[in-house]
Amino acid sequence: MEGYLRKFVEKIKFFQTTIYPKRYFMIDFQQAFLNIQTDRIEKNKSKIKVVWFRDILDCYLPKKDVQHQLPENWEHCFYLQTRERMFILCAQAAEDRNMWMSGFRYIIASTVTVQNIMKANND
């Protein structure tokens, strides 16, 4: 599963022009990680962040109206909570947002199941 999402950043870096830069997200189910890149084309050169599935804790819709804070044409936002930080992500369409949220929720559920099996085997 892969595609572009916009992510909120609190501080704009010198070379950034927006607080919602577009990033390329790729869920790698075989290697169990989420890869966040600046661009789809430069897969190995533009890695920004790798988030392991075990570090993804929750995925949910905003609890209050934040539409006035969102970039134009990217009004379908959701939150992705990891051990390190909270990502505020925006998709172009509700269907895209629902697909990403389903993917992240699948990751969370399957990771918890695997961790419970491993714990039971160790006990």
PDB file of N, CA and C in Angstrom:
ATOM      1  N   MET A   1       0.855  -1.169   0.000  1.00  0.00           N
ATOM      2  CA  MET A   1       0.000   0.000   0.000  1.00  0.00           C
ATOM      3  C   MET A   1       0.899   1.229   0.000  1.00  0.00           C
ATOM      4  N   GLU A   2       0.642   2.149  -0.930  1.00  0.00           N
ATOM      5  CA  GLU A   2       1.490   3.320  -1.011  1.00  0.00           C
ATOM      6  C   GLU A   2       0.774   4.477  -1.696  1.00  0.00           C
ATOM      7  N   GLY A   3       1.221   5.680  -1.387  1.00  0.00           N
ATOM      8  CA  GLY A   3       0.651   6.862  -2.002  1.00  0.00           C
ATOM      9  C   GLY A   3       1.027   8.119  -1.249  1.00  0.00           C
ATOM     10  N   TYR A   4       0.561   9.248  -1.768  1.00  0.00           N
ATOM     11  CA  TYR A   4       0.884  10.540  -1.171  1.00  0.00           C
ATOM     12  C   TYR A   4      -0.147  10.955  -0.131  1.00  0.00           C
ATOM     13  N   LEU A   5       0.360  11.505   0.967  1.00  0.00           N
ATOM     14  CA  LEU A   5      -0.440  12.142   2.003  1.00  0.00           C
ATOM     15  C   LEU A   5       0.272  13.431   2.375  1.00  0.00           C
ATOM     16  N   ARG A   6      -0.472  14.364   2.907  1.00  0.00           N
ATOM     17  CA  ARG A   6       0.168  15.551   3.474  1.00  0.00           C
ATOM     18  C   ARG A   6       0.270  15.337   4.972  1.00  0.00           C
ATOM     19  N   LYS A   7       1.386  15.775   5.553  1.00  0.00           N
ATOM     20  CA  LYS A   7       1.553  15.646   6.998  1.00  0.00           C
ATOM     21  C   LYS A   7       1.829  17.006   7.600  1.00  0.00           C
ATOM     22  N   PHE A   8       1.265  17.236   8.740  1.00  0.00           N
ATOM     23  CA  PHE A   8       1.442  18.499   9.442  1.00  0.00           C
ATOM     24  C   PHE A   8       2.818  18.527  10.098  1.00  0.00           C
ATOM     25  N   VAL A   9       3.501  19.650   9.972  1.00  0.00           N
ATOM     26  CA  VAL A   9       4.767  19.863  10.684  1.00  0.00           C
ATOM     27  C   VAL A   9       4.623  21.129  11.516  1.00  0.00           C
ATOM     28  N   GLU A  10       5.133  21.083  12.736  1.00  0.00           N
ATOM     29  CA  GLU A  10       4.988  22.229  13.633  1.00  0.00           C
ATOM     30  C   GLU A  10       5.894  23.388  13.252  1.00  0.00           C
ATOM     31  N   LYS A  11       7.101  23.067  12.804  1.00  0.00           N
ATOM     32  CA  LYS A  11       8.050  24.111  12.440  1.00  0.00           C
ATOM     33  C   LYS A  11       8.393  23.972  10.966  1.00  0.00           C
ATOM     34  N   ILE A  12       8.317  25.059  10.254  1.00  0.00           N
ATOM     35  CA  ILE A  12       8.678  25.053   8.839  1.00  0.00           C
ATOM     36  C   ILE A  12      10.191  25.225   8.739  1.00  0.00           C
ATOM     37  N   LYS A  13      10.837  24.313   8.026  1.00  0.00           N
ATOM     38  CA  LYS A  13      12.272  24.411   7.803  1.00  0.00           C
ATOM     39  C   LYS A  13      12.535  25.464   6.733  1.00  0.00           C
ATOM     40  N   PHE A  14      13.750  25.886   6.636  1.00  0.00           N
ATOM     41  CA  PHE A  14      14.134  26.962   5.729  1.00  0.00           C
ATOM     42  C   PHE A  14      13.669  26.726   4.296  1.00  0.00           C
ATOM     43  N   PHE A  15      13.778  25.487   3.818  1.00  0.00           N
ATOM     44  CA  PHE A  15      13.460  25.170   2.428  1.00  0.00           C
ATOM     45  C   PHE A  15      11.997  24.789   2.212  1.00  0.00           C
ATOM     46  N   GLN A  16      11.189  24.700   3.263  1.00  0.00           N
ATOM     47  CA  GLN A  16       9.782  24.328   3.127  1.00  0.00           C
ATOM     48  C   GLN A  16       8.921  25.560   2.885  1.00  0.00           C
ATOM     49  N   THR A  17       7.861  25.370   2.130  1.00  0.00           N
ATOM     50  CA  THR A  17       6.950  26.478   1.851  1.00  0.00           C
ATOM     51  C   THR A  17       5.588  26.295   2.504  1.00  0.00           C
ATOM     52  N   THR A  18       5.388  25.184   3.193  1.00  0.00           N
ATOM     53  CA  THR A  18       4.085  24.902   3.790  1.00  0.00           C
ATOM     54  C   THR A  18       4.248  24.087   5.067  1.00  0.00           C
ATOM     55  N   ILE A  19       3.232  24.167   5.936  1.00  0.00           N
ATOM     56  CA  ILE A  19       3.248  23.323   7.131  1.00  0.00           C
ATOM     57  C   ILE A  19       2.612  21.960   6.849  1.00  0.00           C
ATOM     58  N   TYR A  20       2.148  21.766   5.612  1.00  0.00           N
ATOM     59  CA  TYR A  20       1.596  20.479   5.189  1.00  0.00           C
ATOM     60  C   TYR A  20       2.359  19.966   3.968  1.00  0.00           C
ATOM     61  N   PRO A  21       3.634  19.585   4.144  1.00  0.00           N
ATOM     62  CA  PRO A  21       4.361  19.070   2.976  1.00  0.00           C
ATOM     63  C   PRO A  21       3.796  17.729   2.515  1.00  0.00           C
ATOM     64  N   LYS A  22       3.842  17.508   1.223  1.00  0.00           N
ATOM     65  CA  LYS A  22       3.383  16.250   0.652  1.00  0.00           C
ATOM     66  C   LYS A  22       4.505  15.231   0.806  1.00  0.00           C
ATOM     67  N   ARG A  23       4.151  14.050   1.324  1.00  0.00           N
ATOM     68  CA  ARG A  23       5.113  12.976   1.527  1.00  0.00           C
ATOM     69  C   ARG A  23       4.561  11.689   0.932  1.00  0.00           C
ATOM     70  N   TYR A  24       5.481  10.824   0.535  1.00  0.00           N
ATOM     71  CA  TYR A  24       5.108   9.541  -0.043  1.00  0.00           C
ATOM     72  C   TYR A  24       5.190   8.484   1.052  1.00  0.00           C
ATOM     73  N   PHE A  25       4.051   7.860   1.360  1.00  0.00           N
ATOM     74  CA  PHE A  25       3.964   6.840   2.402  1.00  0.00           C
ATOM     75  C   PHE A  25       3.873   5.468   1.746  1.00  0.00           C
ATOM     76  N   MET A  26       4.631   4.513   2.281  1.00  0.00           N
ATOM     77  CA  MET A  26       4.600   3.156   1.757  1.00  0.00           C
ATOM     78  C   MET A  26       4.559   2.176   2.929  1.00  0.00           C
ATOM     79  N   ILE A  27       3.502   1.370   2.981  1.00  0.00           N
ATOM     80  CA  ILE A  27       3.403   0.321   3.995  1.00  0.00           C
ATOM     81  C   ILE A  27       3.993  -0.944   3.395  1.00  0.00           C
ATOM     82  N   ASP A  28       5.037  -1.453   4.021  1.00  0.00           N
ATOM     83  CA  ASP A  28       5.694  -2.682   3.569  1.00  0.00           C
ATOM     84  C   ASP A  28       5.269  -3.803   4.510  1.00  0.00           C
ATOM     85  N   PHE A  29       4.285  -4.601   4.072  1.00  0.00           N
ATOM     86  CA  PHE A  29       3.757  -5.666   4.921  1.00  0.00           C
ATOM     87  C   PHE A  29       4.758  -6.801   5.102  1.00  0.00           C
ATOM     88  N   GLN A  30       5.637  -7.043   4.145  1.00  0.00           N
ATOM     89  CA  GLN A  30       6.614  -8.129   4.262  1.00  0.00           C
ATOM     90  C   GLN A  30       7.677  -7.821   5.302  1.00  0.00           C
ATOM     91  N   GLN A  31       8.160  -6.583   5.319  1.00  0.00           N
ATOM     92  CA  GLN A  31       9.219  -6.230   6.259  1.00  0.00           C
ATOM     93  C   GLN A  31       8.688  -5.539   7.519  1.00  0.00           C
ATOM     94  N   ALA A  32       7.383  -5.317   7.585  1.00  0.00           N
ATOM     95  CA  ALA A  32       6.692  -4.787   8.767  1.00  0.00           C
ATOM     96  C   ALA A  32       7.135  -3.375   9.147  1.00  0.00           C
ATOM     97  N   PHE A  33       7.135  -2.465   8.170  1.00  0.00           N
ATOM     98  CA  PHE A  33       7.417  -1.079   8.493  1.00  0.00           C
ATOM     99  C   PHE A  33       6.687  -0.132   7.555  1.00  0.00           C
ATOM    100  N   LEU A  34       6.563   1.111   8.022  1.00  0.00           N
ATOM    101  CA  LEU A  34       6.018   2.215   7.240  1.00  0.00           C
ATOM    102  C   LEU A  34       7.193   3.088   6.837  1.00  0.00           C
ATOM    103  N   ASN A  35       7.327   3.347   5.554  1.00  0.00           N
ATOM    104  CA  ASN A  35       8.399   4.182   5.032  1.00  0.00           C
ATOM    105  C   ASN A  35       7.802   5.515   4.590  1.00  0.00           C
ATOM    106  N   ILE A  36       8.374   6.607   5.057  1.00  0.00           N
ATOM    107  CA  ILE A  36       7.922   7.947   4.679  1.00  0.00           C
ATOM    108  C   ILE A  36       9.058   8.593   3.898  1.00  0.00           C
ATOM    109  N   GLN A  37       8.750   9.042   2.682  1.00  0.00           N
ATOM    110  CA  GLN A  37       9.764   9.612   1.790  1.00  0.00           C
ATOM    111  C   GLN A  37       9.297  10.958   1.262  1.00  0.00           C
ATOM    112  N   THR A  38      10.235  11.731   0.734  1.00  0.00           N
ATOM    113  CA  THR A  38       9.849  12.998   0.112  1.00  0.00           C
ATOM    114  C   THR A  38       9.200  12.767  -1.239  1.00  0.00           C
ATOM    115  N   ASP A  39       9.617  11.693  -1.937  1.00  0.00           N
ATOM    116  CA  ASP A  39       9.111  11.455  -3.279  1.00  0.00           C
ATOM    117  C   ASP A  39       9.079   9.964  -3.578  1.00  0.00           C
ATOM    118  N   ARG A  40       8.174   9.550  -4.423  1.00  0.00           N
ATOM    119  CA  ARG A  40       8.033   8.138  -4.793  1.00  0.00           C
ATOM    120  C   ARG A  40       9.184   7.677  -5.672  1.00  0.00           C
ATOM    121  N   ILE A  41       9.700   8.534  -6.511  1.00  0.00           N
ATOM    122  CA  ILE A  41      10.683   8.140  -7.519  1.00  0.00           C
ATOM    123  C   ILE A  41      12.014   7.734  -6.911  1.00  0.00           C
ATOM    124  N   GLU A  42      12.518   8.495  -5.977  1.00  0.00           N
ATOM    125  CA  GLU A  42      13.822   8.218  -5.380  1.00  0.00           C
ATOM    126  C   GLU A  42      13.659   7.358  -4.136  1.00  0.00           C
ATOM    127  N   LYS A  43      13.318   6.096  -4.326  1.00  0.00           N
ATOM    128  CA  LYS A  43      12.962   5.241  -3.198  1.00  0.00           C
ATOM    129  C   LYS A  43      14.066   5.094  -2.159  1.00  0.00           C
ATOM    130  N   ASN A  44      15.296   4.943  -2.541  1.00  0.00           N
ATOM    131  CA  ASN A  44      16.360   4.728  -1.564  1.00  0.00           C
ATOM    132  C   ASN A  44      17.065   6.013  -1.149  1.00  0.00           C
ATOM    133  N   LYS A  45      16.982   7.053  -1.955  1.00  0.00           N
ATOM    134  CA  LYS A  45      17.723   8.278  -1.692  1.00  0.00           C
ATOM    135  C   LYS A  45      16.966   9.266  -0.818  1.00  0.00           C
ATOM    136  N   SER A  46      15.649   9.175  -0.787  1.00  0.00           N
ATOM    137  CA  SER A  46      14.877  10.228  -0.129  1.00  0.00           C
ATOM    138  C   SER A  46      14.164   9.767   1.138  1.00  0.00           C
ATOM    139  N   LYS A  47      14.684   8.756   1.798  1.00  0.00           N
ATOM    140  CA  LYS A  47      14.026   8.282   3.016  1.00  0.00           C
ATOM    141  C   LYS A  47      14.077   9.358   4.091  1.00  0.00           C
ATOM    142  N   ILE A  48      12.936   9.604   4.662  1.00  0.00           N
ATOM    143  CA  ILE A  48      12.851  10.552   5.764  1.00  0.00           C
ATOM    144  C   ILE A  48      12.707   9.794   7.068  1.00  0.00           C
ATOM    145  N   LYS A  49      11.841   8.798   7.064  1.00  0.00           N
ATOM    146  CA  LYS A  49      11.530   8.110   8.319  1.00  0.00           C
ATOM    147  C   LYS A  49      11.064   6.696   8.035  1.00  0.00           C
ATOM    148  N   VAL A  50      11.463   5.793   8.908  1.00  0.00           N
ATOM    149  CA  VAL A  50      10.957   4.426   8.911  1.00  0.00           C
ATOM    150  C   VAL A  50      10.286   4.215  10.258  1.00  0.00           C
ATOM    151  N   VAL A  51       9.035   3.758  10.244  1.00  0.00           N
ATOM    152  CA  VAL A  51       8.295   3.475  11.469  1.00  0.00           C
ATOM    153  C   VAL A  51       7.958   1.991  11.461  1.00  0.00           C
ATOM    154  N   TRP A  52       8.458   1.257  12.430  1.00  0.00           N
ATOM    155  CA  TRP A  52       8.171  -0.174  12.531  1.00  0.00           C
ATOM    156  C   TRP A  52       6.727  -0.370  12.978  1.00  0.00           C
ATOM    157  N   PHE A  53       6.100  -1.425  12.495  1.00  0.00           N
ATOM    158  CA  PHE A  53       4.705  -1.698  12.841  1.00  0.00           C
ATOM    159  C   PHE A  53       4.490  -1.729  14.351  1.00  0.00           C
ATOM    160  N   ARG A  54       5.431  -2.300  15.085  1.00  0.00           N
ATOM    161  CA  ARG A  54       5.265  -2.414  16.545  1.00  0.00           C
ATOM    162  C   ARG A  54       5.209  -1.054  17.230  1.00  0.00           C
ATOM    163  N   ASP A  55       5.661  -0.003  16.533  1.00  0.00           N
ATOM    164  CA  ASP A  55       5.649   1.344  17.098  1.00  0.00           C
ATOM    165  C   ASP A  55       4.403   2.148  16.733  1.00  0.00           C
ATOM    166  N   ILE A  56       3.520   1.586  15.909  1.00  0.00           N
ATOM    167  CA  ILE A  56       2.267   2.253  15.550  1.00  0.00           C
ATOM    168  C   ILE A  56       1.224   1.864  16.587  1.00  0.00           C
ATOM    169  N   LEU A  57       0.700   2.861  17.289  1.00  0.00           N
ATOM    170  CA  LEU A  57      -0.179   2.597  18.432  1.00  0.00           C
ATOM    171  C   LEU A  57      -1.659   2.808  18.149  1.00  0.00           C
ATOM    172  N   ASP A  58      -2.001   3.815  17.347  1.00  0.00           N
ATOM    173  CA  ASP A  58      -3.414   4.122  17.143  1.00  0.00           C
ATOM    174  C   ASP A  58      -3.592   4.928  15.861  1.00  0.00           C
ATOM    175  N   CYS A  59      -4.796   4.871  15.318  1.00  0.00           N
ATOM    176  CA  CYS A  59      -5.166   5.617  14.124  1.00  0.00           C
ATOM    177  C   CYS A  59      -6.625   6.025  14.291  1.00  0.00           C
ATOM    178  N   TYR A  60      -6.914   7.325  14.219  1.00  0.00           N
ATOM    179  CA  TYR A  60      -8.275   7.773  14.465  1.00  0.00           C
ATOM    180  C   TYR A  60      -8.551   9.106  13.785  1.00  0.00           C
ATOM    181  N   LEU A  61      -9.830   9.446  13.705  1.00  0.00           N
ATOM    182  CA  LEU A  61     -10.283  10.711  13.133  1.00  0.00           C
ATOM    183  C   LEU A  61     -10.122  11.826  14.161  1.00  0.00           C
ATOM    184  N   PRO A  62     -10.038  13.076  13.706  1.00  0.00           N
ATOM    185  CA  PRO A  62      -9.955  14.195  14.655  1.00  0.00           C
ATOM    186  C   PRO A  62     -11.190  14.262  15.533  1.00  0.00           C
ATOM    187  N   LYS A  63     -10.993  14.645  16.765  1.00  0.00           N
ATOM    188  CA  LYS A  63     -12.096  14.719  17.712  1.00  0.00           C
ATOM    189  C   LYS A  63     -12.834  16.059  17.651  1.00  0.00           C
ATOM    190  N   LYS A  64     -12.224  17.068  17.033  1.00  0.00           N
ATOM    191  CA  LYS A  64     -12.894  18.365  16.905  1.00  0.00           C
ATOM    192  C   LYS A  64     -12.744  18.859  15.479  1.00  0.00           C
ATOM    193  N   ASP A  65     -13.502  19.864  15.156  1.00  0.00           N
ATOM    194  CA  ASP A  65     -13.482  20.408  13.802  1.00  0.00           C
ATOM    195  C   ASP A  65     -12.170  21.152  13.554  1.00  0.00           C
ATOM    196  N   VAL A  66     -11.401  20.632  12.608  1.00  0.00           N
ATOM    197  CA  VAL A  66     -10.129  21.272  12.261  1.00  0.00           C
ATOM    198  C   VAL A  66     -10.096  21.659  10.787  1.00  0.00           C
ATOM    199  N   GLN A  67     -11.229  21.662  10.129  1.00  0.00           N
ATOM    200  CA  GLN A  67     -11.275  21.939   8.696  1.00  0.00           C
ATOM    201  C   GLN A  67     -10.651  23.292   8.340  1.00  0.00           C
ATOM    202  N   HIS A  68     -10.820  24.294   9.181  1.00  0.00           N
ATOM    203  CA  HIS A  68     -10.283  25.626   8.879  1.00  0.00           C
ATOM    204  C   HIS A  68      -8.755  25.660   8.923  1.00  0.00           C
ATOM    205  N   GLN A  69      -8.120  24.648   9.515  1.00  0.00           N
ATOM    206  CA  GLN A  69      -6.667  24.608   9.635  1.00  0.00           C
ATOM    207  C   GLN A  69      -6.008  23.777   8.536  1.00  0.00           C
ATOM    208  N   LEU A  70      -6.795  23.140   7.698  1.00  0.00           N
ATOM    209  CA  LEU A  70      -6.250  22.190   6.732  1.00  0.00           C
ATOM    210  C   LEU A  70      -5.930  22.847   5.402  1.00  0.00           C
ATOM    211  N   PRO A  71      -4.973  22.257   4.661  1.00  0.00           N
ATOM    212  CA  PRO A  71      -4.652  22.817   3.348  1.00  0.00           C
ATOM    213  C   PRO A  71      -5.820  22.630   2.377  1.00  0.00           C
ATOM    214  N   GLU A  72      -5.894  23.493   1.398  1.00  0.00           N
ATOM    215  CA  GLU A  72      -6.963  23.424   0.414  1.00  0.00           C
ATOM    216  C   GLU A  72      -6.909  22.095  -0.346  1.00  0.00           C
ATOM    217  N   ASN A  73      -8.052  21.481  -0.555  1.00  0.00           N
ATOM    218  CA  ASN A  73      -8.204  20.191  -1.256  1.00  0.00           C
ATOM    219  C   ASN A  73      -7.590  19.013  -0.514  1.00  0.00           C
ATOM    220  N   TRP A  74      -7.243  19.179   0.759  1.00  0.00           N
ATOM    221  CA  TRP A  74      -6.714  18.075   1.570  1.00  0.00           C
ATOM    222  C   TRP A  74      -7.460  18.084   2.904  1.00  0.00           C
ATOM    223  N   GLU A  75      -8.756  18.030   2.833  1.00  0.00           N
ATOM    224  CA  GLU A  75      -9.563  18.213   4.035  1.00  0.00           C
ATOM    225  C   GLU A  75      -9.895  16.922   4.770  1.00  0.00           C
ATOM    226  N   HIS A  76      -9.442  15.796   4.291  1.00  0.00           N
ATOM    227  CA  HIS A  76      -9.780  14.510   4.901  1.00  0.00           C
ATOM    228  C   HIS A  76      -8.611  14.033   5.760  1.00  0.00           C
ATOM    229  N   CYS A  77      -8.575  14.536   6.993  1.00  0.00           N
ATOM    230  CA  CYS A  77      -7.418  14.248   7.846  1.00  0.00           C
ATOM    231  C   CYS A  77      -7.719  13.137   8.845  1.00  0.00           C
ATOM    232  N   PHE A  78      -6.633  12.593   9.382  1.00  0.00           N
ATOM    233  CA  PHE A  78      -6.693  11.596  10.447  1.00  0.00           C
ATOM    234  C   PHE A  78      -5.394  11.648  11.213  1.00  0.00           C
ATOM    235  N   TYR A  79      -5.402  11.034  12.390  1.00  0.00           N
ATOM    236  CA  TYR A  79      -4.223  11.005  13.247  1.00  0.00           C
ATOM    237  C   TYR A  79      -3.624   9.610  13.262  1.00  0.00           C
ATOM    238  N   LEU A  80      -2.301   9.566  13.273  1.00  0.00           N
ATOM    239  CA  LEU A  80      -1.567   8.314  13.418  1.00  0.00           C
ATOM    240  C   LEU A  80      -0.621   8.482  14.594  1.00  0.00           C
ATOM    241  N   GLN A  81      -0.889   7.764  15.678  1.00  0.00           N
ATOM    242  CA  GLN A  81      -0.076   7.852  16.894  1.00  0.00           C
ATOM    243  C   GLN A  81       0.978   6.759  16.870  1.00  0.00           C
ATOM    244  N   THR A  82       2.242   7.165  17.018  1.00  0.00           N
ATOM    245  CA  THR A  82       3.339   6.197  17.139  1.00  0.00           C
ATOM    246  C   THR A  82       3.998   6.397  18.495  1.00  0.00           C
ATOM    247  N   ARG A  83       4.941   5.550  18.817  1.00  0.00           N
ATOM    248  CA  ARG A  83       5.645   5.703  20.099  1.00  0.00           C
ATOM    249  C   ARG A  83       6.418   7.018  20.161  1.00  0.00           C
ATOM    250  N   GLU A  84       6.917   7.476  19.034  1.00  0.00           N
ATOM    251  CA  GLU A  84       7.733   8.677  19.007  1.00  0.00           C
ATOM    252  C   GLU A  84       6.948   9.975  18.875  1.00  0.00           C
ATOM    253  N   ARG A  85       5.847   9.938  18.105  1.00  0.00           N
ATOM    254  CA  ARG A  85       5.134  11.182  17.830  1.00  0.00           C
ATOM    255  C   ARG A  85       3.735  10.932  17.286  1.00  0.00           C
ATOM    256  N   MET A  86       3.001  12.028  17.184  1.00  0.00           N
ATOM    257  CA  MET A  86       1.675  12.016  16.587  1.00  0.00           C
ATOM    258  C   MET A  86       1.784  12.618  15.187  1.00  0.00           C
ATOM    259  N   PHE A  87       1.330  11.862  14.176  1.00  0.00           N
ATOM    260  CA  PHE A  87       1.275  12.375  12.815  1.00  0.00           C
ATOM    261  C   PHE A  87      -0.141  12.855  12.532  1.00  0.00           C
ATOM    262  N   ILE A  88      -0.274  14.065  12.017  1.00  0.00           N
ATOM    263  CA  ILE A  88      -1.551  14.547  11.512  1.00  0.00           C
ATOM    264  C   ILE A  88      -1.436  14.462   9.998  1.00  0.00           C
ATOM    265  N   LEU A  89      -2.218  13.565   9.400  1.00  0.00           N
ATOM    266  CA  LEU A  89      -2.116  13.277   7.974  1.00  0.00           C
ATOM    267  C   LEU A  89      -3.402  13.675   7.263  1.00  0.00           C
ATOM    268  N   CYS A  90      -3.271  14.121   6.031  1.00  0.00           N
ATOM    269  CA  CYS A  90      -4.423  14.526   5.234  1.00  0.00           C
ATOM    270  C   CYS A  90      -4.394  13.830   3.885  1.00  0.00           C
ATOM    271  N   ALA A  91      -5.532  13.295   3.483  1.00  0.00           N
ATOM    272  CA  ALA A  91      -5.694  12.671   2.174  1.00  0.00           C
ATOM    273  C   ALA A  91      -6.554  13.585   1.301  1.00  0.00           C
ATOM    274  N   GLN A  92      -6.480  13.387  -0.003  1.00  0.00           N
ATOM    275  CA  GLN A  92      -7.264  14.223  -0.916  1.00  0.00           C
ATOM    276  C   GLN A  92      -8.736  13.853  -0.920  1.00  0.00           C
ATOM    277  N   ALA A  93      -9.061  12.581  -0.660  1.00  0.00           N
ATOM    278  CA  ALA A  93     -10.459  12.130  -0.719  1.00  0.00           C
ATOM    279  C   ALA A  93     -10.785  11.283   0.509  1.00  0.00           C
ATOM    280  N   ALA A  94     -12.061  11.246   0.853  1.00  0.00           N
ATOM    281  CA  ALA A  94     -12.499  10.436   1.996  1.00  0.00           C
ATOM    282  C   ALA A  94     -12.183   8.965   1.772  1.00  0.00           C
ATOM    283  N   GLU A  95     -12.302   8.485   0.530  1.00  0.00           N
ATOM    284  CA  GLU A  95     -12.002   7.078   0.229  1.00  0.00           C
ATOM    285  C   GLU A  95     -10.535   6.760   0.490  1.00  0.00           C
ATOM    286  N   ASP A  96      -9.656   7.690   0.130  1.00  0.00           N
ATOM    287  CA  ASP A  96      -8.224   7.502   0.394  1.00  0.00           C
ATOM    288  C   ASP A  96      -7.954   7.452   1.890  1.00  0.00           C
ATOM    289  N   ARG A  97      -8.560   8.386   2.623  1.00  0.00           N
ATOM    290  CA  ARG A  97      -8.386   8.403   4.074  1.00  0.00           C
ATOM    291  C   ARG A  97      -8.862   7.093   4.686  1.00  0.00           C
ATOM    292  N   ASN A  98     -10.029   6.615   4.255  1.00  0.00           N
ATOM    293  CA  ASN A  98     -10.562   5.366   4.800  1.00  0.00           C
ATOM    294  C   ASN A  98      -9.663   4.177   4.479  1.00  0.00           C
ATOM    295  N   MET A  99      -9.082   4.161   3.278  1.00  0.00           N
ATOM    296  CA  MET A  99      -8.167   3.087   2.900  1.00  0.00           C
ATOM    297  C   MET A  99      -6.932   3.100   3.797  1.00  0.00           C
ATOM    298  N   TRP A 100      -6.323   4.274   3.985  1.00  0.00           N
ATOM    299  CA  TRP A 100      -5.137   4.373   4.837  1.00  0.00           C
ATOM    300  C   TRP A 100      -5.464   3.994   6.282  1.00  0.00           C
ATOM    301  N   MET A 101      -6.577   4.484   6.787  1.00  0.00           N
ATOM    302  CA  MET A 101      -6.952   4.160   8.165  1.00  0.00           C
ATOM    303  C   MET A 101      -7.185   2.666   8.324  1.00  0.00           C
ATOM    304  N   SER A 102      -7.825   2.027   7.346  1.00  0.00           N
ATOM    305  CA  SER A 102      -8.031   0.573   7.400  1.00  0.00           C
ATOM    306  C   SER A 102      -6.697  -0.159   7.410  1.00  0.00           C
ATOM    307  N   GLY A 103      -5.756   0.300   6.582  1.00  0.00           N
ATOM    308  CA  GLY A 103      -4.430  -0.312   6.551  1.00  0.00           C
ATOM    309  C   GLY A 103      -3.716  -0.185   7.880  1.00  0.00           C
ATOM    310  N   PHE A 104      -3.745   1.003   8.472  1.00  0.00           N
ATOM    311  CA  PHE A 104      -3.083   1.207   9.765  1.00  0.00           C
ATOM    312  C   PHE A 104      -3.774   0.427  10.876  1.00  0.00           C
ATOM    313  N   ARG A 105      -5.089   0.367  10.846  1.00  0.00           N
ATOM    314  CA  ARG A 105      -5.807  -0.408  11.868  1.00  0.00           C
ATOM    315  C   ARG A 105      -5.525  -1.900  11.731  1.00  0.00           C
ATOM    316  N   TYR A 106      -5.369  -2.378  10.507  1.00  0.00           N
ATOM    317  CA  TYR A 106      -4.979  -3.777  10.284  1.00  0.00           C
ATOM    318  C   TYR A 106      -3.594  -4.029  10.878  1.00  0.00           C
ATOM    319  N   ILE A 107      -2.671  -3.104  10.650  1.00  0.00           N
ATOM    320  CA  ILE A 107      -1.319  -3.231  11.203  1.00  0.00           C
ATOM    321  C   ILE A 107      -1.373  -3.306  12.724  1.00  0.00           C
ATOM    322  N   ILE A 108      -2.136  -2.416  13.331  1.00  0.00           N
ATOM    323  CA  ILE A 108      -2.236  -2.375  14.795  1.00  0.00           C
ATOM    324  C   ILE A 108      -2.816  -3.679  15.326  1.00  0.00           C
ATOM    325  N   ALA A 109      -3.916  -4.146  14.748  1.00  0.00           N
ATOM    326  CA  ALA A 109      -4.575  -5.369  15.216  1.00  0.00           C
ATOM    327  C   ALA A 109      -3.668  -6.582  15.031  1.00  0.00           C
ATOM    328  N   SER A 110      -3.016  -6.706  13.880  1.00  0.00           N
ATOM    329  CA  SER A 110      -2.179  -7.877  13.638  1.00  0.00           C
ATOM    330  C   SER A 110      -0.932  -7.849  14.512  1.00  0.00           C
ATOM    331  N   THR A 111      -0.378  -6.672  14.773  1.00  0.00           N
ATOM    332  CA  THR A 111       0.797  -6.562  15.636  1.00  0.00           C
ATOM    333  C   THR A 111       0.449  -6.952  17.063  1.00  0.00           C
ATOM    334  N   VAL A 112      -0.688  -6.512  17.555  1.00  0.00           N
ATOM    335  CA  VAL A 112      -1.129  -6.889  18.906  1.00  0.00           C
ATOM    336  C   VAL A 112      -1.330  -8.393  18.987  1.00  0.00           C
ATOM    337  N   THR A 113      -1.929  -8.988  17.967  1.00  0.00           N
ATOM    338  CA  THR A 113      -2.144 -10.441  17.949  1.00  0.00           C
ATOM    339  C   THR A 113      -0.815 -11.185  18.000  1.00  0.00           C
ATOM    340  N   VAL A 114       0.138 -10.769  17.193  1.00  0.00           N
ATOM    341  CA  VAL A 114       1.454 -11.426  17.178  1.00  0.00           C
ATOM    342  C   VAL A 114       2.142 -11.265  18.529  1.00  0.00           C
ATOM    343  N   GLN A 115       2.065 -10.079  19.117  1.00  0.00           N
ATOM    344  CA  GLN A 115       2.686  -9.856  20.421  1.00  0.00           C
ATOM    345  C   GLN A 115       2.042 -10.723  21.493  1.00  0.00           C
ATOM    346  N   ASN A 116       0.720 -10.907  21.444  1.00  0.00           N
ATOM    347  CA  ASN A 116       0.036 -11.768  22.418  1.00  0.00           C
ATOM    348  C   ASN A 116       0.447 -13.228  22.243  1.00  0.00           C
ATOM    349  N   ILE A 117       0.598 -13.668  21.017  1.00  0.00           N
ATOM    350  CA  ILE A 117       1.049 -15.054  20.759  1.00  0.00           C
ATOM    351  C   ILE A 117       2.454 -15.255  21.292  1.00  0.00           C
ATOM    352  N   MET A 118       3.336 -14.294  21.032  1.00  0.00           N
ATOM    353  CA  MET A 118       4.706 -14.398  21.506  1.00  0.00           C
ATOM    354  C   MET A 118       4.761 -14.405  23.023  1.00  0.00           C
ATOM    355  N   LYS A 119       3.954 -13.576  23.649  1.00  0.00           N
ATOM    356  CA  LYS A 119       3.915 -13.532  25.114  1.00  0.00           C
ATOM    357  C   LYS A 119       3.415 -14.853  25.674  1.00  0.00           C
ATOM    358  N   ALA A 120       2.374 -15.423  25.077  1.00  0.00           N
ATOM    359  CA  ALA A 120       1.828 -16.708  25.536  1.00  0.00           C
ATOM    360  C   ALA A 120       2.869 -17.829  25.377  1.00  0.00           C
ATOM    361  N   ASN A 121       3.631 -17.783  24.302  1.00  0.00           N
ATOM    362  CA  ASN A 121       4.659 -18.802  24.079  1.00  0.00           C
ATOM    363  C   ASN A 121       5.799 -18.673  25.086  1.00  0.00           C
ATOM    364  N   ASN A 122       6.102 -17.445  25.511  1.00  0.00           N
ATOM    365  CA  ASN A 122       7.167 -17.240  26.504  1.00  0.00           C
ATOM    366  C   ASN A 122       6.747 -17.619  27.909  1.00  0.00           C
ATOM    367  N   ASP A 123       5.444 -17.568  28.170  1.00  0.00           N
ATOM    368  CA  ASP A 123       4.936 -17.909  29.511  1.00  0.00           C
ATOM    369  C   ASP A 123       4.833 -19.401  29.611  1.00  0.00           C
TER     370      ASP A 123
END
